[in-house]
Amino acid sequence: MTNDHLTALDAATDDAATEVDAATAVDAVAAVDAVDAAVVAAHAALHADVQTVLGRWRPRSDCQAAIREAFLTLLEIRPDATARSSVPGHVTASSVVLSADRRAVLLTLHPRVGRWVQLGGHCEPEDITIAGAALREAREESGIADLQIDPAPVHLDIHPITCSLGRPTRHFDVRFRVIAPPAAVPAISAESVDLRFFPVDQLPDGVDDGVRAAVAAALSHPTEPD
C-alpha cells in the first residue's frame, strides 16, 4: 500500500466522520492471502465494473473525492471487495428511490439497524454491474418493477456495521438515484419492518446524516431528459 492510499483513507475518516481508518486497510492487505479464488472469479466482472464506474465518476465535493479514493484502495487490495465475505469491508449497492415528481423518497425501516434507511444491500455473484445490483435491490425491497435508475452514482458512504456476516465490518456503499413510476405503491418485503414514501423535506426522526446526504445528492443530481 502506498502513502497516497493511506492519506486517502485518513482523509475519508476525517472528512466523512466515519470510523474508517488506515489500519483497517492494512488488515485487509494482511488478509488477502485468505481470499477464496472461487469468490474472486464469481465477482470479477462486478469488481471491474465498480473500478471503472468510480474511476470515471467525478465527485462534487472534496469529502466525496476522499471517500472515492478509499473505495478505489479497497478495490485495489481486495479482489473480493464486492463480496460480503470480505470481512475488512465490502462494496454494497443502494438506491435513493424518489417519487415520479421528486417530492418523496422511499425508505425502509431496517430490521437489523433499527432505523429508516435507503433501499439497498449486498452484491450477489450474478450482479454484473454495480448499478444493476442497486436496481435489483430496489426492486426486491420495494415491490415496484418499473423503476428507472441513473447509471452514475450520486453519493458514496462508508459506515461500520455488523451485517449478515455476524462480525463487525464496513460497508462501502455506492448510491444511485432511482425514479419510481407515477402512483407507484410499494409492497413491503421480508427484508423490512416498514416501508413508505416520506416527503423529502420531512424525513422521519432518527434518519442519519449519511441518508440525508444521499437524498440531497439525489435531488441535486442533473435530471436526464424523459
C-alpha atoms as a PDB file:
ATOM      1  CA  MET A   1       0.000   0.000   0.000  1.00  0.00           C
ATOM      2  CA  THR A   2       1.341   3.431  -0.910  1.00  0.00           C
ATOM      3  CA  ASN A   3       1.448   6.552   1.208  1.00  0.00           C
ATOM      4  CA  ASP A   4      -1.127   8.085  -1.139  1.00  0.00           C
ATOM      5  CA  HIS A   5      -3.553   5.277  -0.292  1.00  0.00           C
ATOM      6  CA  LEU A   6      -3.081   5.776   3.427  1.00  0.00           C
ATOM      7  CA  THR A   7      -3.552   9.514   3.020  1.00  0.00           C
ATOM      8  CA  ALA A   8      -6.802   8.964   1.103  1.00  0.00           C
ATOM      9  CA  LEU A   9      -8.131   6.651   3.781  1.00  0.00           C
ATOM     10  CA  ASP A  10      -7.208   9.092   6.541  1.00  0.00           C
ATOM     11  CA  ALA A  11      -8.950  11.880   4.630  1.00  0.00           C
ATOM     12  CA  ALA A  12     -12.089   9.792   4.271  1.00  0.00           C
ATOM     13  CA  THR A  13     -12.070   9.209   8.008  1.00  0.00           C
ATOM     14  CA  ASP A  14     -11.651  12.875   8.910  1.00  0.00           C
ATOM     15  CA  ASP A  15     -13.907  14.448   6.305  1.00  0.00           C
ATOM     16  CA  ALA A  16     -16.791  11.974   6.382  1.00  0.00           C
ATOM     17  CA  ALA A  17     -16.750  11.493  10.167  1.00  0.00           C
ATOM     18  CA  THR A  18     -16.787   7.709   9.698  1.00  0.00           C
ATOM     19  CA  GLU A  19     -14.874   5.123  11.670  1.00  0.00           C
ATOM     20  CA  VAL A  20     -12.821   4.023   8.672  1.00  0.00           C
ATOM     21  CA  ASP A  21      -9.084   4.100   9.354  1.00  0.00           C
ATOM     22  CA  ALA A  22      -5.857   3.198   7.636  1.00  0.00           C
ATOM     23  CA  ALA A  23      -5.304   0.262   9.983  1.00  0.00           C
ATOM     24  CA  THR A  24      -8.400  -1.397   8.523  1.00  0.00           C
ATOM     25  CA  ALA A  25      -6.876  -1.267   5.060  1.00  0.00           C
ATOM     26  CA  VAL A  26      -3.625  -2.713   6.389  1.00  0.00           C
ATOM     27  CA  ASP A  27      -5.612  -5.568   7.905  1.00  0.00           C
ATOM     28  CA  ALA A  28      -7.251  -6.117   4.521  1.00  0.00           C
ATOM     29  CA  VAL A  29      -3.846  -6.453   2.875  1.00  0.00           C
ATOM     30  CA  ALA A  30      -2.729  -8.895   5.533  1.00  0.00           C
ATOM     31  CA  ALA A  31      -5.862 -10.994   4.954  1.00  0.00           C
ATOM     32  CA  VAL A  32      -5.661 -11.036   1.177  1.00  0.00           C
ATOM     33  CA  ASP A  33      -3.982 -14.466   1.072  1.00  0.00           C
ATOM     34  CA  ALA A  34      -7.141 -15.953   2.589  1.00  0.00           C
ATOM     35  CA  VAL A  35      -9.341 -14.799  -0.296  1.00  0.00           C
ATOM     36  CA  ASP A  36     -11.381 -17.591  -1.892  1.00  0.00           C
ATOM     37  CA  ALA A  37     -10.401 -17.935  -5.558  1.00  0.00           C
ATOM     38  CA  ALA A  38     -13.922 -19.067  -6.472  1.00  0.00           C
ATOM     39  CA  VAL A  39     -15.405 -15.933  -4.903  1.00  0.00           C
ATOM     40  CA  VAL A  40     -12.933 -13.750  -6.787  1.00  0.00           C
ATOM     41  CA  ALA A  41     -13.837 -15.424 -10.079  1.00  0.00           C
ATOM     42  CA  ALA A  42     -17.573 -15.082  -9.435  1.00  0.00           C
ATOM     43  CA  HIS A  43     -17.235 -11.364  -8.694  1.00  0.00           C
ATOM     44  CA  ALA A  44     -14.618 -10.498 -11.323  1.00  0.00           C
ATOM     45  CA  ALA A  45     -16.979  -8.716 -13.730  1.00  0.00           C
ATOM     46  CA  LEU A  46     -18.655  -6.718 -10.984  1.00  0.00           C
ATOM     47  CA  HIS A  47     -15.331  -5.829  -9.371  1.00  0.00           C
ATOM     48  CA  ALA A  48     -14.081  -4.492 -12.714  1.00  0.00           C
ATOM     49  CA  ASP A  49     -17.298  -2.537 -13.252  1.00  0.00           C
ATOM     50  CA  VAL A  50     -17.069  -0.810  -9.869  1.00  0.00           C
ATOM     51  CA  GLN A  51     -13.472   0.183 -10.572  1.00  0.00           C
ATOM     52  CA  THR A  52     -14.486   1.595 -13.957  1.00  0.00           C
ATOM     53  CA  VAL A  53     -17.573   3.424 -12.668  1.00  0.00           C
ATOM     54  CA  LEU A  54     -15.761   5.031  -9.747  1.00  0.00           C
ATOM     55  CA  GLY A  55     -12.688   5.746 -11.841  1.00  0.00           C
ATOM     56  CA  ARG A  56     -14.832   7.816 -14.207  1.00  0.00           C
ATOM     57  CA  TRP A  57     -17.064   9.350 -11.553  1.00  0.00           C
ATOM     58  CA  ARG A  58     -16.433  12.990 -10.688  1.00  0.00           C
ATOM     59  CA  PRO A  59     -17.268  13.732  -7.042  1.00  0.00           C
ATOM     60  CA  ARG A  60     -18.968  17.036  -6.278  1.00  0.00           C
ATOM     61  CA  SER A  61     -17.070  17.718  -3.036  1.00  0.00           C
ATOM     62  CA  ASP A  62     -13.643  17.176  -1.516  1.00  0.00           C
ATOM     63  CA  CYS A  63     -15.230  14.880   1.058  1.00  0.00           C
ATOM     64  CA  GLN A  64     -16.728  12.639  -1.629  1.00  0.00           C
ATOM     65  CA  ALA A  65     -13.434  12.681  -3.533  1.00  0.00           C
ATOM     66  CA  ALA A  66     -11.594  11.417  -0.447  1.00  0.00           C
ATOM     67  CA  ILE A  67     -14.160   8.676   0.084  1.00  0.00           C
ATOM     68  CA  ARG A  68     -13.862   7.631  -3.561  1.00  0.00           C
ATOM     69  CA  GLU A  69     -10.103   7.154  -3.085  1.00  0.00           C
ATOM     70  CA  ALA A  70     -10.820   4.894  -0.122  1.00  0.00           C
ATOM     71  CA  PHE A  71     -13.150   2.815  -2.329  1.00  0.00           C
ATOM     72  CA  LEU A  72     -10.524   2.537  -5.048  1.00  0.00           C
ATOM     73  CA  THR A  73      -7.935   1.484  -2.475  1.00  0.00           C
ATOM     74  CA  LEU A  74     -10.193  -1.279  -1.181  1.00  0.00           C
ATOM     75  CA  LEU A  75     -10.828  -2.484  -4.736  1.00  0.00           C
ATOM     76  CA  GLU A  76      -7.114  -2.473  -5.491  1.00  0.00           C
ATOM     77  CA  ILE A  77      -6.093  -4.520  -2.479  1.00  0.00           C
ATOM     78  CA  ARG A  78      -9.120  -6.827  -2.222  1.00  0.00           C
ATOM     79  CA  PRO A  79     -10.047  -8.801  -5.352  1.00  0.00           C
ATOM     80  CA  ASP A  80     -13.143  -9.945  -3.430  1.00  0.00           C
ATOM     81  CA  ALA A  81     -14.159  -6.407  -2.423  1.00  0.00           C
ATOM     82  CA  THR A  82     -17.670  -6.764  -3.869  1.00  0.00           C
ATOM     83  CA  ALA A  83     -18.375  -9.958  -1.919  1.00  0.00           C
ATOM     84  CA  ARG A  84     -19.881  -9.934   1.563  1.00  0.00           C
ATOM     85  CA  SER A  85     -17.223 -12.468   2.592  1.00  0.00           C
ATOM     86  CA  SER A  86     -14.613  -9.671   2.555  1.00  0.00           C
ATOM     87  CA  VAL A  87     -14.591  -9.144   6.318  1.00  0.00           C
ATOM     88  CA  PRO A  88     -12.473  -5.941   6.484  1.00  0.00           C
ATOM     89  CA  GLY A  89     -15.084  -4.239   4.285  1.00  0.00           C
ATOM     90  CA  HIS A  90     -17.075  -4.778   1.114  1.00  0.00           C
ATOM     91  CA  VAL A  91     -18.897  -2.804  -1.549  1.00  0.00           C
ATOM     92  CA  THR A  92     -22.679  -2.588  -1.279  1.00  0.00           C
ATOM     93  CA  ALA A  93     -25.254  -1.058  -3.628  1.00  0.00           C
ATOM     94  CA  SER A  94     -28.073   1.311  -2.650  1.00  0.00           C
ATOM     95  CA  SER A  95     -30.852   3.264  -4.310  1.00  0.00           C
ATOM     96  CA  VAL A  96     -32.381   6.571  -3.309  1.00  0.00           C
ATOM     97  CA  VAL A  97     -35.845   5.874  -4.708  1.00  0.00           C
ATOM     98  CA  LEU A  98     -37.683   9.106  -5.462  1.00  0.00           C
ATOM     99  CA  SER A  99     -41.316   9.503  -6.443  1.00  0.00           C
ATOM    100  CA  ALA A 100     -42.014  10.486 -10.039  1.00  0.00           C
ATOM    101  CA  ASP A 101     -42.434  14.138  -9.009  1.00  0.00           C
ATOM    102  CA  ARG A 102     -39.224  14.027  -6.897  1.00  0.00           C
ATOM    103  CA  ARG A 103     -41.175  15.199  -3.830  1.00  0.00           C
ATOM    104  CA  ALA A 104     -40.935  11.985  -1.811  1.00  0.00           C
ATOM    105  CA  VAL A 105     -38.321   9.346  -1.072  1.00  0.00           C
ATOM    106  CA  LEU A 106     -38.939   5.679  -0.319  1.00  0.00           C
ATOM    107  CA  LEU A 107     -37.299   4.498   2.916  1.00  0.00           C
ATOM    108  CA  THR A 108     -37.254   1.150   4.689  1.00  0.00           C
ATOM    109  CA  LEU A 109     -37.210   0.566   8.432  1.00  0.00           C
ATOM    110  CA  HIS A 110     -34.291  -1.835   8.566  1.00  0.00           C
ATOM    111  CA  PRO A 111     -34.763  -4.742  10.987  1.00  0.00           C
ATOM    112  CA  ARG A 112     -31.061  -5.018  11.879  1.00  0.00           C
ATOM    113  CA  VAL A 113     -30.096  -1.378  12.296  1.00  0.00           C
ATOM    114  CA  GLY A 114     -33.497  -0.230  13.594  1.00  0.00           C
ATOM    115  CA  ARG A 115     -33.541   2.982  11.554  1.00  0.00           C
ATOM    116  CA  TRP A 116     -35.086   4.329   8.368  1.00  0.00           C
ATOM    117  CA  VAL A 117     -32.587   3.932   5.527  1.00  0.00           C
ATOM    118  CA  GLN A 118     -32.482   3.919   1.735  1.00  0.00           C
ATOM    119  CA  LEU A 119     -33.073   0.656  -0.129  1.00  0.00           C
ATOM    120  CA  GLY A 120     -30.054  -1.491  -0.892  1.00  0.00           C
ATOM    121  CA  GLY A 121     -27.830  -4.308   0.221  1.00  0.00           C
ATOM    122  CA  HIS A 122     -25.100  -6.750  -0.651  1.00  0.00           C
ATOM    123  CA  CYS A 123     -23.924  -7.535  -4.138  1.00  0.00           C
ATOM    124  CA  GLU A 124     -24.545 -11.046  -5.443  1.00  0.00           C
ATOM    125  CA  PRO A 125     -22.422 -13.198  -7.793  1.00  0.00           C
ATOM    126  CA  GLU A 126     -24.999 -12.791 -10.559  1.00  0.00           C
ATOM    127  CA  ASP A 127     -24.658  -8.992 -10.492  1.00  0.00           C
ATOM    128  CA  ILE A 128     -22.585  -7.776 -13.452  1.00  0.00           C
ATOM    129  CA  THR A 129     -22.744  -4.033 -12.763  1.00  0.00           C
ATOM    130  CA  ILE A 130     -23.000  -2.025  -9.564  1.00  0.00           C
ATOM    131  CA  ALA A 131     -25.960  -0.056 -10.974  1.00  0.00           C
ATOM    132  CA  GLY A 132     -27.640  -3.357 -11.782  1.00  0.00           C
ATOM    133  CA  ALA A 133     -27.084  -4.541  -8.213  1.00  0.00           C
ATOM    134  CA  ALA A 134     -28.645  -1.355  -6.840  1.00  0.00           C
ATOM    135  CA  LEU A 135     -31.642  -1.688  -9.156  1.00  0.00           C
ATOM    136  CA  ARG A 136     -32.129  -5.353  -8.239  1.00  0.00           C
ATOM    137  CA  GLU A 137     -32.129  -4.494  -4.548  1.00  0.00           C
ATOM    138  CA  ALA A 138     -34.563  -1.622  -5.107  1.00  0.00           C
ATOM    139  CA  ARG A 139     -36.997  -3.849  -6.988  1.00  0.00           C
ATOM    140  CA  GLU A 140     -36.772  -6.627  -4.419  1.00  0.00           C
ATOM    141  CA  GLU A 141     -37.275  -4.348  -1.431  1.00  0.00           C
ATOM    142  CA  SER A 142     -39.915  -2.040  -2.930  1.00  0.00           C
ATOM    143  CA  GLY A 143     -42.018  -4.478  -4.932  1.00  0.00           C
ATOM    144  CA  ILE A 144     -42.030  -1.881  -7.724  1.00  0.00           C
ATOM    145  CA  ALA A 145     -40.918  -3.392 -11.031  1.00  0.00           C
ATOM    146  CA  ASP A 146     -40.847  -0.345 -13.309  1.00  0.00           C
ATOM    147  CA  LEU A 147     -38.050   1.635 -11.684  1.00  0.00           C
ATOM    148  CA  GLN A 148     -35.644   3.813 -13.648  1.00  0.00           C
ATOM    149  CA  ILE A 149     -32.051   4.163 -12.477  1.00  0.00           C
ATOM    150  CA  ASP A 150     -29.495   6.811 -13.379  1.00  0.00           C
ATOM    151  CA  PRO A 151     -26.277   4.961 -14.331  1.00  0.00           C
ATOM    152  CA  ALA A 152     -23.891   7.263 -12.450  1.00  0.00           C
ATOM    153  CA  PRO A 153     -23.641   7.211  -8.644  1.00  0.00           C
ATOM    154  CA  VAL A 154     -24.905  10.214  -6.713  1.00  0.00           C
ATOM    155  CA  HIS A 155     -23.242   9.533  -3.359  1.00  0.00           C
ATOM    156  CA  LEU A 156     -20.681   7.317  -1.619  1.00  0.00           C
ATOM    157  CA  ASP A 157     -20.652   6.371   2.046  1.00  0.00           C
ATOM    158  CA  ILE A 158     -18.540   4.202   4.342  1.00  0.00           C
ATOM    159  CA  HIS A 159     -20.008   3.067   7.638  1.00  0.00           C
ATOM    160  CA  PRO A 160     -19.306   0.426  10.273  1.00  0.00           C
ATOM    161  CA  ILE A 161     -21.920  -2.298  10.665  1.00  0.00           C
ATOM    162  CA  THR A 162     -22.430  -5.829  11.879  1.00  0.00           C
ATOM    163  CA  CYS A 163     -24.202  -7.300   8.871  1.00  0.00           C
ATOM    164  CA  SER A 164     -25.147 -10.840   7.870  1.00  0.00           C
ATOM    165  CA  LEU A 165     -21.562 -11.954   8.408  1.00  0.00           C
ATOM    166  CA  GLY A 166     -22.227 -11.694  12.117  1.00  0.00           C
ATOM    167  CA  ARG A 167     -18.928  -9.853  12.539  1.00  0.00           C
ATOM    168  CA  PRO A 168     -18.117  -6.139  12.610  1.00  0.00           C
ATOM    169  CA  THR A 169     -17.263  -4.927   9.128  1.00  0.00           C
ATOM    170  CA  ARG A 170     -17.670  -1.836   6.967  1.00  0.00           C
ATOM    171  CA  HIS A 171     -19.993  -1.171   4.068  1.00  0.00           C
ATOM    172  CA  PHE A 172     -18.549   0.799   1.185  1.00  0.00           C
ATOM    173  CA  ASP A 173     -21.922   1.887  -0.152  1.00  0.00           C
ATOM    174  CA  VAL A 174     -22.415   3.125  -3.732  1.00  0.00           C
ATOM    175  CA  ARG A 175     -25.680   5.040  -4.006  1.00  0.00           C
ATOM    176  CA  PHE A 176     -27.744   5.710  -7.123  1.00  0.00           C
ATOM    177  CA  ARG A 177     -30.810   7.781  -7.895  1.00  0.00           C
ATOM    178  CA  VAL A 178     -33.857   5.736  -8.879  1.00  0.00           C
ATOM    179  CA  ILE A 179     -37.186   7.158 -10.024  1.00  0.00           C
ATOM    180  CA  ALA A 180     -40.453   5.362  -9.355  1.00  0.00           C
ATOM    181  CA  PRO A 181     -43.332   5.485 -11.835  1.00  0.00           C
ATOM    182  CA  PRO A 182     -46.332   7.776 -11.148  1.00  0.00           C
ATOM    183  CA  ALA A 183     -48.685   6.485  -8.452  1.00  0.00           C
ATOM    184  CA  ALA A 184     -46.285   3.686  -7.511  1.00  0.00           C
ATOM    185  CA  VAL A 185     -47.413   1.673  -4.489  1.00  0.00           C
ATOM    186  CA  PRO A 186     -44.593  -0.093  -2.633  1.00  0.00           C
ATOM    187  CA  ALA A 187     -45.076  -3.589  -1.236  1.00  0.00           C
ATOM    188  CA  ILE A 188     -43.250  -4.432   1.957  1.00  0.00           C
ATOM    189  CA  SER A 189     -40.919  -7.424   1.843  1.00  0.00           C
ATOM    190  CA  ALA A 190     -39.495  -9.725   4.499  1.00  0.00           C
ATOM    191  CA  GLU A 191     -36.393  -7.503   4.496  1.00  0.00           C
ATOM    192  CA  SER A 192     -38.287  -4.549   6.016  1.00  0.00           C
ATOM    193  CA  VAL A 193     -40.112  -3.803   9.245  1.00  0.00           C
ATOM    194  CA  ASP A 194     -41.876  -0.942   7.448  1.00  0.00           C
ATOM    195  CA  LEU A 195     -41.671   0.718   4.050  1.00  0.00           C
ATOM    196  CA  ARG A 196     -43.115   4.049   2.964  1.00  0.00           C
ATOM    197  CA  PHE A 197     -42.641   7.259   0.998  1.00  0.00           C
ATOM    198  CA  PHE A 198     -41.719  10.353   3.018  1.00  0.00           C
ATOM    199  CA  PRO A 199     -41.706  13.969   1.812  1.00  0.00           C
ATOM    200  CA  VAL A 200     -38.092  14.804   1.013  1.00  0.00           C
ATOM    201  CA  ASP A 201     -38.235  17.791   3.368  1.00  0.00           C
ATOM    202  CA  GLN A 202     -39.859  15.813   6.214  1.00  0.00           C
ATOM    203  CA  LEU A 203     -37.687  12.764   6.755  1.00  0.00           C
ATOM    204  CA  PRO A 204     -38.530  10.673   9.838  1.00  0.00           C
ATOM    205  CA  ASP A 205     -36.787  11.044  13.171  1.00  0.00           C
ATOM    206  CA  GLY A 206     -33.617   9.003  13.504  1.00  0.00           C
ATOM    207  CA  VAL A 207     -32.554   9.219   9.871  1.00  0.00           C
ATOM    208  CA  ASP A 208     -28.781   9.550   9.979  1.00  0.00           C
ATOM    209  CA  ASP A 209     -26.673  12.163   8.239  1.00  0.00           C
ATOM    210  CA  GLY A 210     -25.484   9.711   5.590  1.00  0.00           C
ATOM    211  CA  VAL A 211     -29.024   9.024   4.424  1.00  0.00           C
ATOM    212  CA  ARG A 212     -29.878  12.730   4.460  1.00  0.00           C
ATOM    213  CA  ALA A 213     -26.776  13.444   2.382  1.00  0.00           C
ATOM    214  CA  ALA A 214     -27.718  10.734  -0.112  1.00  0.00           C
ATOM    215  CA  VAL A 215     -31.246  12.150  -0.511  1.00  0.00           C
ATOM    216  CA  ALA A 216     -29.859  15.653  -1.006  1.00  0.00           C
ATOM    217  CA  ALA A 217     -27.398  14.345  -3.592  1.00  0.00           C
ATOM    218  CA  ALA A 218     -30.156  12.523  -5.472  1.00  0.00           C
ATOM    219  CA  LEU A 219     -32.315  15.654  -5.534  1.00  0.00           C
ATOM    220  CA  SER A 220     -29.491  17.802  -6.861  1.00  0.00           C
ATOM    221  CA  HIS A 221     -28.380  15.265  -9.473  1.00  0.00           C
ATOM    222  CA  PRO A 222     -28.973  16.526 -13.019  1.00  0.00           C
ATOM    223  CA  THR A 223     -32.206  15.180 -14.447  1.00  0.00           C
ATOM    224  CA  GLU A 224     -31.955  13.234 -17.683  1.00  0.00           C
ATOM    225  CA  PRO A 225     -34.490  14.067 -20.399  1.00  0.00           C
ATOM    226  CA  ASP A 226     -37.509  11.745 -20.414  1.00  0.00           C
END
